[in-house]
């Protein structure tokens, strides 16, 4: 049974969430909080499995409530965003940085008559994040002693990365992730200099409509320039391109890429596999691919393609992953050179950028 606490100051949204979730198998609403302070109190009292968290609430907003809950009683938190402007988007992603697992749009589709579709989508998402481990994320976020100093993957300093060629210099860095990955991405990119010598591309599973906000948030939080890939700008050093949430990003040669319509309804959009496989086809052994926290198997085959082409393949470690799914599949397939913490990944990227 998934025990849910709703934190929302709007009575309309409270009632909507109740109507959508009550009666769903294996889901129980254990409480409703009208502000962040009450949400914190009820987390201590009720110990819910998951909290749906509004951002803008009286007394204590959702961002501060998320921080306090993750500090005092770590709980799975999904941000329910109004998606009305840059401030709301930024606060939503900052809440993820504070420990929230995912962010989705408020269920406005109910008003448009899409009740059944919204109900199924919301219940499916909440069941998906039920396997997430928020403490895994907080373990590395709250451990400054681990640091992010560069760890050169060469010679005697290589550690477990002995299979990486000593002369390796990437032409392209590819990051792929799902649940739990946005926090890793922002923390890793924040350690890289603005003039990082290689282009970086990102395929992140995210709710439709949120890719632009995710890219804008990253751009404000890291030294590098971050944009949503729109086909108008070529890959270049120091630029991070985030795949849009409606199309797949496919890498070509000479800094080019295409944006393709998704044809398989079973496929994630954006597809990490498509991004990684196309990067391997275009750049061969000069690709570094890293598969981050997330459920399922998207990205595992793509990482195997990079590995087969002679590139460097990394996966986020089980101990630091909110959801250890995609990386596990890739590792079991023998496509991972090293399982890394976010700090280790940042160190490797820094070392190759020296």
Protein backbone atom coordinates (compact mmCIF):
# COMPACT_ATOMS: atom_id res chain seq x y z
CA UNK A 1 0.00 0.00 0.00
CA UNK A 2 1.40 3.41 -1.04
CA UNK A 3 0.51 5.90 1.71
CA UNK A 4 0.32 9.45 0.33
CA UNK A 5 0.30 12.86 2.02
CA UNK A 6 -1.03 15.75 -0.09
CA UNK A 7 0.58 19.15 0.59
CA UNK A 8 -1.46 21.78 -1.26
CA UNK A 9 -3.10 25.05 -0.20
CA UNK A 10 -5.67 25.15 -3.01
CA UNK A 11 -8.90 23.43 -1.97
CA UNK A 12 -9.70 22.80 -5.64
CA UNK A 13 -6.41 20.99 -6.27
CA UNK A 14 -6.73 19.12 -2.95
CA UNK A 15 -10.14 17.80 -4.02
CA UNK A 16 -8.89 17.04 -7.51
CA UNK A 17 -5.95 14.99 -6.25
CA UNK A 18 -8.21 13.16 -3.82
CA UNK A 19 -10.70 12.37 -6.58
CA UNK A 20 -7.92 11.14 -8.87
CA UNK A 21 -6.22 8.92 -6.30
CA UNK A 22 -8.94 7.66 -3.97
CA UNK A 23 -10.10 4.24 -5.03
CA UNK A 24 -6.85 3.46 -6.86
CA UNK A 25 -5.57 -0.02 -5.91
CA UNK A 26 -2.69 0.01 -3.43
CA UNK A 27 -2.95 3.78 -2.86
CA UNK A 28 -4.16 5.40 0.39
CA UNK A 29 -4.33 9.12 1.17
CA UNK A 30 -3.28 9.39 4.80
CA UNK A 31 -3.49 13.17 5.20
CA UNK A 32 -3.78 16.61 3.60
CA UNK A 33 -1.65 19.63 4.56
CA UNK A 34 -2.56 23.19 3.65
CA UNK A 35 0.95 24.59 4.06
CA UNK A 36 4.55 23.47 4.32
CA UNK A 37 4.72 23.68 8.10
CA UNK A 38 1.76 21.33 8.42
CA UNK A 39 3.29 19.00 5.82
CA UNK A 40 6.47 18.78 7.91
CA UNK A 41 4.46 18.02 11.06
CA UNK A 42 2.37 15.35 9.35
CA UNK A 43 5.46 13.71 7.89
CA UNK A 44 6.75 13.25 11.44
CA UNK A 45 3.38 12.01 12.70
CA UNK A 46 2.12 9.87 9.81
CA UNK A 47 5.35 8.67 8.15
CA UNK A 48 3.86 8.64 4.63
CA UNK A 49 5.53 6.74 1.79
CA UNK A 50 5.22 9.74 -0.53
CA UNK A 51 4.33 13.44 -0.41
CA UNK A 52 2.83 15.38 -3.31
CA UNK A 53 4.21 18.87 -2.70
CA UNK A 54 2.95 22.22 -3.94
CA UNK A 55 5.62 24.92 -4.17
CA UNK A 56 3.82 28.15 -3.25
CA UNK A 57 2.02 27.74 0.09
CA UNK A 58 1.57 30.02 3.13
CA UNK A 59 3.62 29.88 6.37
CA UNK A 60 6.28 27.62 4.82
CA UNK A 61 6.59 27.13 1.05
CA UNK A 62 7.16 23.79 -0.65
CA UNK A 63 10.86 24.38 -1.23
CA UNK A 64 11.60 25.00 2.45
CA UNK A 65 9.26 22.17 3.46
CA UNK A 66 11.16 19.81 1.14
CA UNK A 67 14.47 20.86 2.69
CA UNK A 68 13.18 20.38 6.22
CA UNK A 69 11.53 17.03 5.49
CA UNK A 70 14.67 15.68 3.83
CA UNK A 71 16.78 16.85 6.76
CA UNK A 72 14.51 15.55 9.52
CA UNK A 73 12.60 12.57 8.09
CA UNK A 74 13.64 11.75 4.50
CA UNK A 75 10.54 10.91 2.47
CA UNK A 76 9.78 10.50 -1.22
CA UNK A 77 8.54 13.87 -2.50
CA UNK A 78 7.00 14.64 -5.89
CA UNK A 79 6.63 18.33 -6.74
CA UNK A 80 3.25 19.23 -8.25
CA UNK A 81 4.03 22.39 -10.21
CA UNK A 82 1.63 24.96 -11.64
CA UNK A 83 4.23 25.51 -14.40
CA UNK A 84 3.08 29.13 -14.70
CA UNK A 85 6.40 30.92 -14.97
CA UNK A 86 10.15 30.91 -14.52
CA UNK A 87 9.96 31.46 -10.74
CA UNK A 88 7.71 28.44 -10.25
CA UNK A 89 9.89 26.28 -12.50
CA UNK A 90 13.10 27.37 -10.76
CA UNK A 91 11.67 26.71 -7.30
CA UNK A 92 10.42 23.30 -8.43
CA UNK A 93 13.84 22.24 -9.65
CA UNK A 94 15.51 23.70 -6.56
CA UNK A 95 13.19 21.45 -4.55
CA UNK A 96 14.56 18.52 -6.54
CA UNK A 97 18.04 19.69 -5.68
CA UNK A 98 16.93 19.64 -2.04
CA UNK A 99 15.85 16.02 -2.33
CA UNK A 100 12.52 15.80 -4.18
CA UNK A 101 12.37 12.88 -6.60
CA UNK A 102 10.36 14.23 -9.51
CA UNK A 103 8.27 17.14 -10.76
CA UNK A 104 4.98 17.03 -12.67
CA UNK A 105 2.33 19.52 -13.75
CA UNK A 106 -0.78 20.08 -11.68
CA UNK A 107 -3.72 18.03 -13.04
CA UNK A 108 -5.36 20.82 -15.05
CA UNK A 109 -6.28 18.28 -17.73
CA UNK A 110 -9.21 17.24 -15.57
CA UNK A 111 -10.89 20.55 -16.37
CA UNK A 112 -10.49 19.81 -20.09
CA UNK A 113 -12.35 16.54 -19.76
CA UNK A 114 -9.28 14.27 -19.73
CA UNK A 115 -10.14 12.80 -16.33
CA UNK A 116 -9.36 9.15 -17.07
CA UNK A 117 -6.09 9.97 -18.82
CA UNK A 118 -4.88 12.26 -16.03
CA UNK A 119 -5.95 9.75 -13.36
CA UNK A 120 -4.01 6.90 -14.98
CA UNK A 121 -0.96 9.07 -15.64
CA UNK A 122 -0.79 10.39 -12.06
CA UNK A 123 -1.29 6.98 -10.45
CA UNK A 124 1.33 5.45 -12.76
CA UNK A 125 3.89 8.12 -11.85
CA UNK A 126 3.33 7.80 -8.11
CA UNK A 127 3.67 4.02 -8.27
CA UNK A 128 6.87 4.44 -10.25
CA UNK A 129 8.51 6.67 -7.66
CA UNK A 130 7.39 4.33 -4.87
CA UNK A 131 10.59 2.34 -5.44
CA UNK A 132 12.79 5.43 -5.19
CA UNK A 133 15.25 5.77 -2.32
CA UNK A 134 15.50 9.44 -1.25
CA UNK A 135 18.14 8.61 1.35
CA UNK A 136 20.50 7.49 -1.42
CA UNK A 137 20.47 10.98 -2.90
CA UNK A 138 20.85 12.68 0.44
CA UNK A 139 23.80 10.44 1.30
CA UNK A 140 26.04 12.10 -1.27
CA UNK A 141 24.48 15.58 -1.21
CA UNK A 142 25.11 15.81 2.53
CA UNK A 143 28.64 14.39 2.46
CA UNK A 144 30.94 17.33 1.67
CA UNK A 145 33.93 15.40 2.98
CA UNK A 146 33.83 13.34 -0.22
CA UNK A 147 34.54 16.49 -2.19
CA UNK A 148 34.69 16.88 -5.95
CA UNK A 149 38.41 17.28 -6.48
CA UNK A 150 39.58 16.09 -9.91
CA UNK A 151 40.56 12.44 -9.98
CA UNK A 152 42.66 11.94 -13.07
CA UNK A 153 41.84 8.68 -14.83
CA UNK A 154 45.39 8.15 -15.98
CA UNK A 155 48.36 6.15 -14.82
CA UNK A 156 48.48 5.20 -11.15
CA UNK A 157 45.68 7.63 -10.35
CA UNK A 158 43.27 5.69 -12.54
CA UNK A 159 41.84 3.57 -9.71
CA UNK A 160 39.04 1.34 -10.99
CA UNK A 161 39.10 3.03 -14.40
CA UNK A 162 42.10 1.04 -15.64
CA UNK A 163 40.24 0.03 -18.81
CA UNK A 164 40.10 3.61 -20.06
CA UNK A 165 42.85 4.40 -22.63
CA UNK A 166 45.40 6.75 -21.09
CA UNK A 167 45.34 8.99 -24.16
CA UNK A 168 41.56 9.26 -24.21
CA UNK A 169 40.20 12.66 -25.22
CA UNK A 170 36.47 12.84 -25.88
CA UNK A 171 34.85 14.73 -28.70
CA UNK A 172 31.51 14.53 -26.94
CA UNK A 173 30.15 13.91 -23.43
CA UNK A 174 26.70 12.26 -23.21
CA UNK A 175 24.61 12.15 -20.03
CA UNK A 176 21.37 10.21 -19.69
CA UNK A 177 19.06 9.94 -16.71
CA UNK A 178 15.57 9.61 -15.34
CA UNK A 179 14.20 9.66 -11.78
CA UNK A 180 16.81 11.14 -9.44
CA UNK A 181 19.14 12.32 -12.21
CA UNK A 182 18.44 16.10 -12.36
CA UNK A 183 20.17 16.65 -9.03
CA UNK A 184 23.19 14.67 -10.22
CA UNK A 185 23.34 16.61 -13.48
CA UNK A 186 23.30 20.02 -11.81
CA UNK A 187 25.87 19.02 -9.20
CA UNK A 188 28.24 17.54 -11.80
CA UNK A 189 27.93 20.42 -14.27
CA UNK A 190 28.39 22.96 -11.48
CA UNK A 191 31.95 21.66 -11.04
CA UNK A 192 32.95 22.20 -14.67
CA UNK A 193 34.43 25.48 -15.95
CA UNK A 194 32.56 27.73 -18.38
CA UNK A 195 35.21 27.02 -21.01
CA UNK A 196 34.95 23.26 -20.76
CA UNK A 197 36.68 21.96 -23.92
CA UNK A 198 33.99 19.48 -25.02
CA UNK A 199 30.30 19.74 -25.90
CA UNK A 200 27.85 18.00 -23.55
CA UNK A 201 24.46 16.57 -24.49
CA UNK A 202 21.79 15.47 -22.03
CA UNK A 203 18.76 13.19 -22.44
CA UNK A 204 16.64 13.46 -19.30
CA UNK A 205 13.28 11.73 -18.85
CA UNK A 206 11.02 14.51 -17.67
CA UNK A 207 7.34 15.40 -17.74
CA UNK A 208 6.20 16.97 -20.99
CA UNK A 209 6.55 20.73 -20.87
CA UNK A 210 9.38 20.79 -18.33
CA UNK A 211 12.51 20.43 -20.51
CA UNK A 212 12.77 24.17 -21.18
CA UNK A 213 12.44 24.95 -17.47
CA UNK A 214 15.01 22.29 -16.64
CA UNK A 215 17.50 23.79 -19.13
CA UNK A 216 16.85 27.32 -17.87
CA UNK A 217 17.38 26.22 -14.28
CA UNK A 218 20.65 24.48 -15.20
CA UNK A 219 21.81 27.55 -17.12
CA UNK A 220 21.31 29.71 -14.02
CA UNK A 221 22.97 27.19 -11.69
CA UNK A 222 26.13 26.10 -13.53
CA UNK A 223 29.06 27.94 -15.17
CA UNK A 224 28.42 26.43 -18.61
CA UNK A 225 25.87 27.67 -21.14
CA UNK A 226 22.80 25.43 -21.22
CA UNK A 227 20.07 25.39 -23.86
CA UNK A 228 17.30 23.14 -25.10
CA UNK A 229 18.37 21.59 -28.39
CA UNK A 230 16.28 23.21 -31.14
CA UNK A 231 18.34 22.31 -34.21
CA UNK A 232 19.57 25.85 -34.76
CA UNK A 233 22.90 25.67 -32.93
CA UNK A 234 25.72 23.18 -33.50
CA UNK A 235 27.48 21.30 -30.73
CA UNK A 236 30.47 23.22 -29.42
CA UNK A 237 32.82 23.29 -26.42
CA UNK A 238 31.30 24.76 -23.27
CA UNK A 239 27.71 24.30 -24.48
CA UNK A 240 25.28 21.88 -22.86
CA UNK A 241 22.31 20.90 -25.02
CA UNK A 242 19.30 19.30 -23.36
CA UNK A 243 17.12 17.10 -25.55
CA UNK A 244 13.55 18.43 -25.83
CA UNK A 245 10.77 16.51 -24.10
CA UNK A 246 8.83 15.94 -27.33
CA UNK A 247 11.49 14.63 -29.74
CA UNK A 248 14.59 12.45 -29.79
CA UNK A 249 18.04 13.94 -30.23
CA UNK A 250 20.22 12.10 -32.75
CA UNK A 251 23.91 12.99 -33.07
CA UNK A 252 25.59 13.42 -36.46
CA UNK A 253 29.11 14.34 -37.49
CA UNK A 254 30.80 17.74 -37.54
CA UNK A 255 28.90 19.04 -34.52
CA UNK A 256 25.52 18.40 -36.13
CA UNK A 257 22.43 16.69 -34.75
CA UNK A 258 18.84 16.04 -35.71
CA UNK A 259 15.61 16.11 -33.73
CA UNK A 260 13.39 13.18 -34.68
CA UNK A 261 9.75 12.53 -33.98
CA UNK A 262 9.16 9.50 -31.74
CA UNK A 263 7.51 6.67 -33.67
CA UNK A 264 7.39 3.98 -30.99
CA UNK A 265 4.82 4.71 -28.25
CA UNK A 266 6.68 2.33 -25.93
CA UNK A 267 9.85 4.37 -26.20
CA UNK A 268 10.85 7.09 -23.74
CA UNK A 269 11.05 10.59 -25.19
CA UNK A 270 13.73 11.76 -25.26
CA UNK A 271 15.36 8.37 -25.82
CA UNK A 272 18.71 7.90 -24.11
CA UNK A 273 19.38 4.85 -26.28
CA UNK A 274 18.94 6.87 -29.49
CA UNK A 275 21.21 9.64 -28.22
CA UNK A 276 23.96 7.27 -27.07
CA UNK A 277 23.81 4.98 -30.14
CA UNK A 278 23.93 7.91 -32.56
CA UNK A 279 26.87 9.42 -30.65
CA UNK A 280 28.75 6.12 -30.92
CA UNK A 281 27.99 5.92 -34.65
CA UNK A 282 29.13 9.50 -35.28
CA UNK A 283 32.11 9.79 -32.94
CA UNK A 284 33.20 6.20 -32.28
CA UNK A 285 35.83 5.88 -29.59
CA UNK A 286 35.77 9.61 -28.81
CA UNK A 287 32.55 9.51 -26.75
CA UNK A 288 32.15 9.51 -22.97
CA UNK A 289 28.74 8.21 -21.93
CA UNK A 290 27.35 8.29 -18.39
CA UNK A 291 24.06 6.65 -17.42
CA UNK A 292 22.56 8.12 -14.27
CA UNK A 293 19.81 7.26 -11.78
CA UNK A 294 16.55 6.01 -13.27
CA UNK A 295 14.07 3.19 -13.68
CA UNK A 296 13.89 0.77 -16.60
CA UNK A 297 16.44 -0.05 -19.27
CA UNK A 298 16.56 3.01 -21.56
CA UNK A 299 20.21 3.89 -22.17
CA UNK A 300 21.66 0.44 -21.47
CA UNK A 301 21.82 -0.57 -25.14
CA UNK A 302 23.13 2.87 -26.09
CA UNK A 303 25.86 2.66 -23.48
CA UNK A 304 26.78 -0.78 -24.82
CA UNK A 305 27.14 0.79 -28.29
CA UNK A 306 29.55 3.41 -26.89
CA UNK A 307 31.47 0.63 -25.13
CA UNK A 308 31.68 -1.44 -28.32
CA UNK A 309 32.93 1.61 -30.24
CA UNK A 310 35.79 2.02 -27.76
CA UNK A 311 34.45 5.00 -25.83
CA UNK A 312 34.33 5.51 -22.06
CA UNK A 313 31.21 4.20 -20.30
CA UNK A 314 30.18 5.08 -16.76
CA UNK A 315 27.07 4.43 -14.67
CA UNK A 316 25.97 5.99 -11.42
CA UNK A 317 26.67 3.69 -8.48
CA UNK A 318 23.88 1.78 -6.78
CA UNK A 319 24.67 3.38 -3.41
CA UNK A 320 24.06 6.93 -4.75
CA UNK A 321 21.17 6.24 -7.16
CA UNK A 322 17.63 7.19 -6.15
CA UNK A 323 16.52 4.44 -8.55
CA UNK A 324 19.11 1.86 -9.56
CA UNK A 325 17.54 0.52 -12.74
CA UNK A 326 19.08 1.68 -16.01
CA UNK A 327 22.63 1.53 -14.66
CA UNK A 328 22.03 -1.94 -13.28
CA UNK A 329 20.85 -3.25 -16.65
CA UNK A 330 23.90 -1.71 -18.35
CA UNK A 331 26.27 -3.10 -15.74
CA UNK A 332 24.78 -6.59 -15.97
CA UNK A 333 25.28 -6.42 -19.74
CA UNK A 334 28.99 -5.70 -19.24
CA UNK A 335 28.73 -2.22 -20.78
CA UNK A 336 29.98 -0.22 -17.77
CA UNK A 337 33.65 0.50 -17.18
CA UNK A 338 33.11 2.00 -13.73
CA UNK A 339 30.20 2.60 -11.38
CA UNK A 340 30.68 6.14 -10.09
CA UNK A 341 29.35 8.50 -7.46
CA UNK A 342 28.35 11.98 -8.68
CA UNK A 343 31.56 13.32 -7.15
CA UNK A 344 33.65 10.76 -9.01
CA UNK A 345 31.88 11.56 -12.28
CA UNK A 346 32.60 15.27 -11.83
CA UNK A 347 36.24 14.43 -11.10
CA UNK A 348 36.57 12.33 -14.27
CA UNK A 349 35.01 15.02 -16.45
CA UNK A 350 37.30 17.63 -14.92
CA UNK A 351 40.38 15.47 -15.46
CA UNK A 352 39.60 14.91 -19.11
CA UNK A 353 39.03 18.63 -19.51
CA UNK A 354 42.50 19.56 -18.26
